[in-house]
Full PDB file with SEQRES, HELIX, SHEET, SSBOND, CRYST1, ORIGX, SCALE, CONECT and MASTER records, all heavy atoms in Angstrom:
SEQRES   1 A   34  GLY GLU PRO THR ALA GLU HIS LEU GLU MET ILE ARG LYS          
SEQRES   2 A   34  GLY LEU VAL GLY SER VAL ILE LYS SER ASN GLY VAL LYS          
SEQRES   3 A   34  ASP ASN SER ARG LEU GLN LYS ILE                              
HELIX    1 AA1 ALA A    5  ARG A   12  1                                   8    
HELIX    2 AA2 VAL A   25  LYS A   33  1                                   9    
CRYST1    1.000    1.000    1.000  90.00  90.00  90.00 P 1           1          
ORIGX1      1.000000  0.000000  0.000000        0.00000                         
ORIGX2      0.000000  1.000000  0.000000        0.00000                         
ORIGX3      0.000000  0.000000  1.000000        0.00000                         
SCALE1      1.000000  0.000000  0.000000        0.00000                         
SCALE2      0.000000  1.000000  0.000000        0.00000                         
SCALE3      0.000000  0.000000  1.000000        0.00000                         
ATOM      1  N   GLY A   1     106.634  87.536 122.945  1.00  0.00           N  
ATOM      2  CA  GLY A   1     107.526  86.962 121.947  1.00  0.00           C  
ATOM      3  C   GLY A   1     107.842  87.978 120.873  1.00  0.00           C  
ATOM      4  O   GLY A   1     107.905  89.186 121.107  1.00  0.00           O  
ATOM      5  N   GLU A   2     108.004  87.520 119.657  1.00  0.00           N  
ATOM      6  CA  GLU A   2     108.389  88.381 118.540  1.00  0.00           C  
ATOM      7  C   GLU A   2     107.223  89.285 118.126  1.00  0.00           C  
ATOM      8  O   GLU A   2     106.123  88.807 117.858  1.00  0.00           O  
ATOM      9  CB  GLU A   2     108.811  87.522 117.345  1.00  0.00           C  
ATOM     10  CG  GLU A   2     109.341  88.304 116.162  1.00  0.00           C  
ATOM     11  CD  GLU A   2     110.665  88.997 116.440  1.00  0.00           C  
ATOM     12  OE1 GLU A   2     111.368  88.591 117.401  1.00  0.00           O  
ATOM     13  OE2 GLU A   2     110.994  89.935 115.701  1.00  0.00           O  
ATOM     14  N   PRO A   3     107.437  90.609 118.100  1.00  0.00           N  
ATOM     15  CA  PRO A   3     106.353  91.498 117.669  1.00  0.00           C  
ATOM     16  C   PRO A   3     106.026  91.298 116.200  1.00  0.00           C  
ATOM     17  O   PRO A   3     106.899  90.992 115.382  1.00  0.00           O  
ATOM     18  CB  PRO A   3     106.924  92.896 117.935  1.00  0.00           C  
ATOM     19  CG  PRO A   3     108.399  92.726 117.904  1.00  0.00           C  
ATOM     20  CD  PRO A   3     108.672  91.345 118.444  1.00  0.00           C  
ATOM     21  N   THR A   4     104.771  91.474 115.860  1.00  0.00           N  
ATOM     22  CA  THR A   4     104.362  91.354 114.460  1.00  0.00           C  
ATOM     23  C   THR A   4     104.649  92.651 113.726  1.00  0.00           C  
ATOM     24  O   THR A   4     104.902  93.706 114.330  1.00  0.00           O  
ATOM     25  CB  THR A   4     102.858  91.062 114.368  1.00  0.00           C  
ATOM     26  OG1 THR A   4     102.139  92.198 114.858  1.00  0.00           O  
ATOM     27  CG2 THR A   4     102.488  89.827 115.173  1.00  0.00           C  
ATOM     28  N   ALA A   5     104.580  92.589 112.415  1.00  0.00           N  
ATOM     29  CA  ALA A   5     104.752  93.802 111.609  1.00  0.00           C  
ATOM     30  C   ALA A   5     103.688  94.833 111.959  1.00  0.00           C  
ATOM     31  O   ALA A   5     103.945  96.045 111.963  1.00  0.00           O  
ATOM     32  CB  ALA A   5     104.692  93.449 110.123  1.00  0.00           C  
ATOM     33  N   GLU A   6     102.487  94.355 112.268  1.00  0.00           N  
ATOM     34  CA  GLU A   6     101.409  95.266 112.644  1.00  0.00           C  
ATOM     35  C   GLU A   6     101.726  95.984 113.952  1.00  0.00           C  
ATOM     36  O   GLU A   6     101.478  97.184 114.100  1.00  0.00           O  
ATOM     37  CB  GLU A   6     100.099  94.490 112.781  1.00  0.00           C  
ATOM     38  CG  GLU A   6      98.905  95.376 113.114  1.00  0.00           C  
ATOM     39  CD  GLU A   6      97.622  94.578 113.271  1.00  0.00           C  
ATOM     40  OE1 GLU A   6      97.658  93.338 113.092  1.00  0.00           O  
ATOM     41  OE2 GLU A   6      96.592  95.193 113.590  1.00  0.00           O  
ATOM     42  N   HIS A   7     102.288  95.236 114.921  1.00  0.00           N  
ATOM     43  CA  HIS A   7     102.694  95.860 116.177  1.00  0.00           C  
ATOM     44  C   HIS A   7     103.680  96.987 115.927  1.00  0.00           C  
ATOM     45  O   HIS A   7     103.528  98.102 116.452  1.00  0.00           O  
ATOM     46  CB  HIS A   7     103.356  94.820 117.097  1.00  0.00           C  
ATOM     47  CG  HIS A   7     102.418  93.817 117.671  1.00  0.00           C  
ATOM     48  ND1 HIS A   7     102.808  92.504 117.915  1.00  0.00           N  
ATOM     49  CD2 HIS A   7     101.121  93.897 118.051  1.00  0.00           C  
ATOM     50  CE1 HIS A   7     101.796  91.843 118.430  1.00  0.00           C  
ATOM     51  NE2 HIS A   7     100.756  92.657 118.519  1.00  0.00           N  
ATOM     52  N   LEU A   8     104.712  96.720 115.135  1.00  0.00           N  
ATOM     53  CA  LEU A   8     105.763  97.707 114.889  1.00  0.00           C  
ATOM     54  C   LEU A   8     105.212  98.918 114.148  1.00  0.00           C  
ATOM     55  O   LEU A   8     105.600 100.065 114.436  1.00  0.00           O  
ATOM     56  CB  LEU A   8     106.911  97.066 114.106  1.00  0.00           C  
ATOM     57  CG  LEU A   8     107.608  95.877 114.803  1.00  0.00           C  
ATOM     58  CD1 LEU A   8     108.720  95.327 113.916  1.00  0.00           C  
ATOM     59  CD2 LEU A   8     108.161  96.283 116.156  1.00  0.00           C  
ATOM     60  N   GLU A   9     104.288  98.679 113.229  1.00  0.00           N  
ATOM     61  CA  GLU A   9     103.716  99.794 112.483  1.00  0.00           C  
ATOM     62  C   GLU A   9     102.866 100.676 113.403  1.00  0.00           C  
ATOM     63  O   GLU A   9     102.891 101.919 113.284  1.00  0.00           O  
ATOM     64  CB  GLU A   9     102.867  99.256 111.324  1.00  0.00           C  
ATOM     65  CG  GLU A   9     102.312 100.341 110.400  1.00  0.00           C  
ATOM     66  CD  GLU A   9     103.395 101.144 109.702  1.00  0.00           C  
ATOM     67  OE1 GLU A   9     104.553 100.676 109.629  1.00  0.00           O  
ATOM     68  OE2 GLU A   9     103.082 102.257 109.229  1.00  0.00           O  
ATOM     69  N   MET A  10     102.132 100.063 114.319  1.00  0.00           N  
ATOM     70  CA  MET A  10     101.348 100.845 115.261  1.00  0.00           C  
ATOM     71  C   MET A  10     102.239 101.706 116.141  1.00  0.00           C  
ATOM     72  O   MET A  10     101.930 102.878 116.424  1.00  0.00           O  
ATOM     73  CB  MET A  10     100.489  99.918 116.130  1.00  0.00           C  
ATOM     74  CG  MET A  10      99.335  99.253 115.406  1.00  0.00           C  
ATOM     75  SD  MET A  10      98.377  98.176 116.509  1.00  0.00           S  
ATOM     76  CE  MET A  10      97.611  99.382 117.585  1.00  0.00           C  
ATOM     77  N   ILE A  11     103.364 101.149 116.579  1.00  0.00           N  
ATOM     78  CA  ILE A  11     104.295 101.924 117.409  1.00  0.00           C  
ATOM     79  C   ILE A  11     104.850 103.104 116.620  1.00  0.00           C  
ATOM     80  O   ILE A  11     104.912 104.235 117.120  1.00  0.00           O  
ATOM     81  CB  ILE A  11     105.429 101.017 117.937  1.00  0.00           C  
ATOM     82  CG1 ILE A  11     104.863  99.974 118.911  1.00  0.00           C  
ATOM     83  CG2 ILE A  11     106.506 101.851 118.625  1.00  0.00           C  
ATOM     84  CD1 ILE A  11     105.855  98.918 119.347  1.00  0.00           C  
ATOM     85  N   ARG A  12     105.221 102.872 115.386  1.00  0.00           N  
ATOM     86  CA  ARG A  12     105.773 103.958 114.557  1.00  0.00           C  
ATOM     87  C   ARG A  12     104.747 105.065 114.322  1.00  0.00           C  
ATOM     88  O   ARG A  12     105.097 106.234 114.190  1.00  0.00           O  
ATOM     89  CB  ARG A  12     106.265 103.391 113.227  1.00  0.00           C  
ATOM     90  CG  ARG A  12     107.507 102.522 113.345  1.00  0.00           C  
ATOM     91  CD  ARG A  12     108.078 102.142 111.987  1.00  0.00           C  
ATOM     92  NE  ARG A  12     109.282 101.346 112.147  1.00  0.00           N  
ATOM     93  CZ  ARG A  12     109.333 100.013 112.063  1.00  0.00           C  
ATOM     94  NH1 ARG A  12     108.212  99.327 111.806  1.00  0.00           N  
ATOM     95  NH2 ARG A  12     110.456  99.373 112.237  1.00  0.00           N  
ATOM     96  N   LYS A  13     103.481 104.708 114.271  1.00  0.00           N  
ATOM     97  CA  LYS A  13     102.434 105.713 114.055  1.00  0.00           C  
ATOM     98  C   LYS A  13     102.001 106.403 115.350  1.00  0.00           C  
ATOM     99  O   LYS A  13     101.107 107.247 115.332  1.00  0.00           O  
ATOM    100  CB  LYS A  13     101.217 105.046 113.409  1.00  0.00           C  
ATOM    101  CG  LYS A  13     101.432 104.645 111.955  1.00  0.00           C  
ATOM    102  CD  LYS A  13     100.155 104.019 111.386  1.00  0.00           C  
ATOM    103  CE  LYS A  13     100.330 103.678 109.905  1.00  0.00           C  
ATOM    104  NZ  LYS A  13      99.096 103.057 109.350  1.00  0.00           N  
ATOM    105  N   GLY A  14     102.640 106.050 116.465  1.00  0.00           N  
ATOM    106  CA  GLY A  14     102.268 106.654 117.734  1.00  0.00           C  
ATOM    107  C   GLY A  14     100.956 106.162 118.280  1.00  0.00           C  
ATOM    108  O   GLY A  14     100.282 106.872 119.035  1.00  0.00           O  
ATOM    109  N   LEU A  15     100.560 104.934 117.924  1.00  0.00           N  
ATOM    110  CA  LEU A  15      99.269 104.397 118.323  1.00  0.00           C  
ATOM    111  C   LEU A  15      99.365 103.408 119.479  1.00  0.00           C  
ATOM    112  O   LEU A  15      98.399 102.713 119.796  1.00  0.00           O  
ATOM    113  CB  LEU A  15      98.595 103.710 117.122  1.00  0.00           C  
ATOM    114  CG  LEU A  15      98.375 104.603 115.895  1.00  0.00           C  
ATOM    115  CD1 LEU A  15      97.681 103.827 114.787  1.00  0.00           C  
ATOM    116  CD2 LEU A  15      97.575 105.847 116.263  1.00  0.00           C  
ATOM    117  N   VAL A  16     100.527 103.340 120.115  1.00  0.00           N  
ATOM    118  CA  VAL A  16     100.736 102.448 121.261  1.00  0.00           C  
ATOM    119  C   VAL A  16     101.346 103.263 122.394  1.00  0.00           C  
ATOM    120  O   VAL A  16     102.433 103.828 122.243  1.00  0.00           O  
ATOM    121  CB  VAL A  16     101.656 101.265 120.904  1.00  0.00           C  
ATOM    122  CG1 VAL A  16     101.949 100.424 122.149  1.00  0.00           C  
ATOM    123  CG2 VAL A  16     101.030 100.407 119.811  1.00  0.00           C  
ATOM    124  N   GLY A  17     100.643 103.304 123.527  1.00  0.00           N  
ATOM    125  CA  GLY A  17     101.186 104.010 124.678  1.00  0.00           C  
ATOM    126  C   GLY A  17     101.865 103.088 125.664  1.00  0.00           C  
ATOM    127  O   GLY A  17     102.815 103.473 126.340  1.00  0.00           O  
ATOM    128  N   SER A  18     101.380 101.844 125.748  1.00  0.00           N  
ATOM    129  CA  SER A  18     101.900 100.887 126.721  1.00  0.00           C  
ATOM    130  C   SER A  18     101.886  99.490 126.124  1.00  0.00           C  
ATOM    131  O   SER A  18     101.094  99.194 125.220  1.00  0.00           O  
ATOM    132  CB  SER A  18     101.060 100.893 128.001  1.00  0.00           C  
ATOM    133  OG  SER A  18     101.023 102.166 128.593  1.00  0.00           O  
ATOM    134  N   VAL A  19     102.760  98.642 126.660  1.00  0.00           N  
ATOM    135  CA  VAL A  19     102.871  97.262 126.185  1.00  0.00           C  
ATOM    136  C   VAL A  19     102.906  96.334 127.392  1.00  0.00           C  
ATOM    137  O   VAL A  19     103.596  96.598 128.384  1.00  0.00           O  
ATOM    138  CB  VAL A  19     104.136  97.063 125.326  1.00  0.00           C  
ATOM    139  CG1 VAL A  19     104.354  95.577 125.022  1.00  0.00           C  
ATOM    140  CG2 VAL A  19     104.033  97.854 124.028  1.00  0.00           C  
ATOM    141  N   ILE A  20     102.158  95.245 127.302  1.00  0.00           N  
ATOM    142  CA  ILE A  20     102.181  94.194 128.306  1.00  0.00           C  
ATOM    143  C   ILE A  20     102.755  92.926 127.680  1.00  0.00           C  
ATOM    144  O   ILE A  20     102.604  92.688 126.479  1.00  0.00           O  
ATOM    145  CB  ILE A  20     100.755  93.921 128.846  1.00  0.00           C  
ATOM    146  CG1 ILE A  20     100.782  92.843 129.931  1.00  0.00           C  
ATOM    147  CG2 ILE A  20      99.800  93.543 127.740  1.00  0.00           C  
ATOM    148  CD1 ILE A  20      99.411  92.578 130.563  1.00  0.00           C  
ATOM    149  N   LYS A  21     103.433  92.148 128.495  1.00  0.00           N  
ATOM    150  CA  LYS A  21     103.958  90.820 128.154  1.00  0.00           C  
ATOM    151  C   LYS A  21     105.291  90.839 127.394  1.00  0.00           C  
ATOM    152  O   LYS A  21     105.821  89.781 127.077  1.00  0.00           O  
ATOM    153  CB  LYS A  21     102.931  89.981 127.372  1.00  0.00           C  
ATOM    154  CG  LYS A  21     101.673  89.662 128.157  1.00  0.00           C  
ATOM    155  CD  LYS A  21     101.993  88.939 129.451  1.00  0.00           C  
ATOM    156  CE  LYS A  21     100.774  88.693 130.304  1.00  0.00           C  
ATOM    157  NZ  LYS A  21     101.133  88.183 131.653  1.00  0.00           N  
ATOM    158  N   SER A  22     105.816  92.015 127.094  1.00  0.00           N  
ATOM    159  CA  SER A  22     107.162  92.076 126.517  1.00  0.00           C  
ATOM    160  C   SER A  22     108.141  92.267 127.663  1.00  0.00           C  
ATOM    161  O   SER A  22     108.019  93.212 128.446  1.00  0.00           O  
ATOM    162  CB  SER A  22     107.266  93.237 125.527  1.00  0.00           C  
ATOM    163  OG  SER A  22     108.575  93.305 124.991  1.00  0.00           O  
ATOM    164  N   ASN A  23     109.095  91.361 127.791  1.00  0.00           N  
ATOM    165  CA  ASN A  23     110.004  91.354 128.927  1.00  0.00           C  
ATOM    166  C   ASN A  23     111.449  91.254 128.487  1.00  0.00           C  
ATOM    167  O   ASN A  23     111.764  90.655 127.456  1.00  0.00           O  
ATOM    168  CB  ASN A  23     109.689  90.164 129.846  1.00  0.00           C  
ATOM    169  CG  ASN A  23     108.415  90.347 130.631  1.00  0.00           C  
ATOM    170  OD1 ASN A  23     108.448  90.777 131.771  1.00  0.00           O  
ATOM    171  ND2 ASN A  23     107.283  90.029 130.022  1.00  0.00           N  
ATOM    172  N   GLY A  24     112.317  91.815 129.293  1.00  0.00           N  
ATOM    173  CA  GLY A  24     113.749  91.689 129.076  1.00  0.00           C  
ATOM    174  C   GLY A  24     114.336  92.892 128.374  1.00  0.00           C  
ATOM    175  O   GLY A  24     113.696  93.549 127.554  1.00  0.00           O  
ATOM    176  N   VAL A  25     115.578  93.200 128.702  1.00  0.00           N  
ATOM    177  CA  VAL A  25     116.259  94.377 128.156  1.00  0.00           C  
ATOM    178  C   VAL A  25     116.359  94.317 126.636  1.00  0.00           C  
ATOM    179  O   VAL A  25     116.114  95.314 125.951  1.00  0.00           O  
ATOM    180  CB  VAL A  25     117.658  94.510 128.791  1.00  0.00           C  
ATOM    181  CG1 VAL A  25     118.500  95.533 128.032  1.00  0.00           C  
ATOM    182  CG2 VAL A  25     117.538  94.903 130.260  1.00  0.00           C  
ATOM    183  N   LYS A  26     116.673  93.159 126.107  1.00  0.00           N  
ATOM    184  CA  LYS A  26     116.864  93.051 124.659  1.00  0.00           C  
ATOM    185  C   LYS A  26     115.592  93.422 123.894  1.00  0.00           C  
ATOM    186  O   LYS A  26     115.609  94.288 123.008  1.00  0.00           O  
ATOM    187  CB  LYS A  26     117.298  91.633 124.296  1.00  0.00           C  
ATOM    188  CG  LYS A  26     117.520  91.435 122.798  1.00  0.00           C  
ATOM    189  CD  LYS A  26     117.932  89.995 122.493  1.00  0.00           C  
ATOM    190  CE  LYS A  26     118.086  89.773 120.986  1.00  0.00           C  
ATOM    191  NZ  LYS A  26     118.434  88.363 120.676  1.00  0.00           N  
ATOM    192  N   ASP A  27     114.472  92.780 124.230  1.00  0.00           N  
ATOM    193  CA  ASP A  27     113.228  93.013 123.502  1.00  0.00           C  
ATOM    194  C   ASP A  27     112.667  94.407 123.762  1.00  0.00           C  
ATOM    195  O   ASP A  27     112.204  95.089 122.840  1.00  0.00           O  
ATOM    196  CB  ASP A  27     112.191  91.962 123.885  1.00  0.00           C  
ATOM    197  CG  ASP A  27     112.527  90.582 123.339  1.00  0.00           C  
ATOM    198  OD1 ASP A  27     113.405  90.493 122.452  1.00  0.00           O  
ATOM    199  OD2 ASP A  27     111.930  89.594 123.796  1.00  0.00           O  
ATOM    200  N   ASN A  28     112.712  94.841 125.002  1.00  0.00           N  
ATOM    201  CA  ASN A  28     112.119  96.134 125.327  1.00  0.00           C  
ATOM    202  C   ASN A  28     112.963  97.298 124.818  1.00  0.00           C  
ATOM    203  O   ASN A  28     112.426  98.353 124.476  1.00  0.00           O  
ATOM    204  CB  ASN A  28     111.876  96.243 126.830  1.00  0.00           C  
ATOM    205  CG  ASN A  28     110.727  95.358 127.281  1.00  0.00           C  
ATOM    206  OD1 ASN A  28     110.159  94.615 126.490  1.00  0.00           O  
ATOM    207  ND2 ASN A  28     110.369  95.432 128.546  1.00  0.00           N  
ATOM    208  N   SER A  29     114.268  97.109 124.731  1.00  0.00           N  
ATOM    209  CA  SER A  29     115.127  98.153 124.146  1.00  0.00           C  
ATOM    210  C   SER A  29     114.777  98.362 122.674  1.00  0.00           C  
ATOM    211  O   SER A  29     114.697  99.500 122.195  1.00  0.00           O  
ATOM    212  CB  SER A  29     116.605  97.766 124.269  1.00  0.00           C  
ATOM    213  OG  SER A  29     117.028  97.771 125.600  1.00  0.00           O  
ATOM    214  N   ARG A  30     114.556  97.266 121.992  1.00  0.00           N  
ATOM    215  CA  ARG A  30     114.214  97.361 120.569  1.00  0.00           C  
ATOM    216  C   ARG A  30     112.922  98.144 120.363  1.00  0.00           C  
ATOM    217  O   ARG A  30     112.861  99.071 119.541  1.00  0.00           O  
ATOM    218  CB  ARG A  30     114.079  95.951 119.978  1.00  0.00           C  
ATOM    219  CG  ARG A  30     113.621  95.931 118.520  1.00  0.00           C  
ATOM    220  CD  ARG A  30     113.244  94.527 118.098  1.00  0.00           C  
ATOM    221  NE  ARG A  30     112.721  94.503 116.732  1.00  0.00           N  
ATOM    222  CZ  ARG A  30     112.104  93.459 116.185  1.00  0.00           C  
ATOM    223  NH1 ARG A  30     111.956  92.348 116.901  1.00  0.00           N  
ATOM    224  NH2 ARG A  30     111.654  93.505 114.944  1.00  0.00           N  
ATOM    225  N   LEU A  31     111.897  97.780 121.127  1.00  0.00           N  
ATOM    226  CA  LEU A  31     110.612  98.453 120.980  1.00  0.00           C  
ATOM    227  C   LEU A  31     110.692  99.912 121.418  1.00  0.00           C  
ATOM    228  O   LEU A  31     110.095 100.797 120.790  1.00  0.00           O  
ATOM    229  CB  LEU A  31     109.548  97.722 121.786  1.00  0.00           C  
ATOM    230  CG  LEU A  31     109.214  96.286 121.345  1.00  0.00           C  
ATOM    231  CD1 LEU A  31     108.198  95.662 122.287  1.00  0.00           C  
ATOM    232  CD2 LEU A  31     108.698  96.255 119.911  1.00  0.00           C  
ATOM    233  N   GLN A  32     111.443 100.161 122.489  1.00  0.00           N  
ATOM    234  CA  GLN A  32     111.537 101.540 122.978  1.00  0.00           C  
ATOM    235  C   GLN A  32     112.264 102.442 121.985  1.00  0.00           C  
ATOM    236  O   GLN A  32     111.871 103.604 121.794  1.00  0.00           O  
ATOM    237  CB  GLN A  32     112.255 101.562 124.339  1.00  0.00           C  
ATOM    238  CG  GLN A  32     112.076 102.838 125.132  1.00  0.00           C  
ATOM    239  CD  GLN A  32     110.669 103.014 125.655  1.00  0.00           C  
ATOM    240  OE1 GLN A  32     109.740 103.233 124.868  1.00  0.00           O  
ATOM    241  NE2 GLN A  32     110.497 102.922 126.966  1.00  0.00           N  
ATOM    242  N   LYS A  33     113.284 101.931 121.343  1.00  0.00           N  
ATOM    243  CA  LYS A  33     114.006 102.732 120.350  1.00  0.00           C  
ATOM    244  C   LYS A  33     113.100 103.099 119.176  1.00  0.00           C  
ATOM    245  O   LYS A  33     113.161 104.212 118.654  1.00  0.00           O  
ATOM    246  CB  LYS A  33     115.237 101.966 119.860  1.00  0.00           C  
ATOM    247  CG  LYS A  33     116.388 101.959 120.859  1.00  0.00           C  
ATOM    248  CD  LYS A  33     117.597 101.222 120.306  1.00  0.00           C  
ATOM    249  CE  LYS A  33     118.744 101.241 121.303  1.00  0.00           C  
ATOM    250  NZ  LYS A  33     119.936 100.520 120.782  1.00  0.00           N  
ATOM    251  N   ILE A  34     112.275 102.167 118.783  1.00  0.00           N  
ATOM    252  CA  ILE A  34     111.339 102.470 117.685  1.00  0.00           C  
ATOM    253  C   ILE A  34     110.379 103.567 118.121  1.00  0.00           C  
ATOM    254  O   ILE A  34     110.114 104.522 117.374  1.00  0.00           O  
ATOM    255  CB  ILE A  34     110.576 101.204 117.263  1.00  0.00           C  
ATOM    256  CG1 ILE A  34     111.539 100.186 116.630  1.00  0.00           C  
ATOM    257  CG2 ILE A  34     109.454 101.547 116.278  1.00  0.00           C  
ATOM    258  CD1 ILE A  34     110.903  98.834 116.357  1.00  0.00           C  
TER     259      ILE A  34                                                      
MASTER        0    0    0    2    0    0    0    6  258    1    0    3          
END                                                                             
């Protein structure tokens, strides 16, 4: 579902290599761009 602020901050800090349970072009495009 909707990522939390903590999720997004971890991605920005380079602390996430992989994600499970996020599906669909819309949601995954957003996370990948970050």
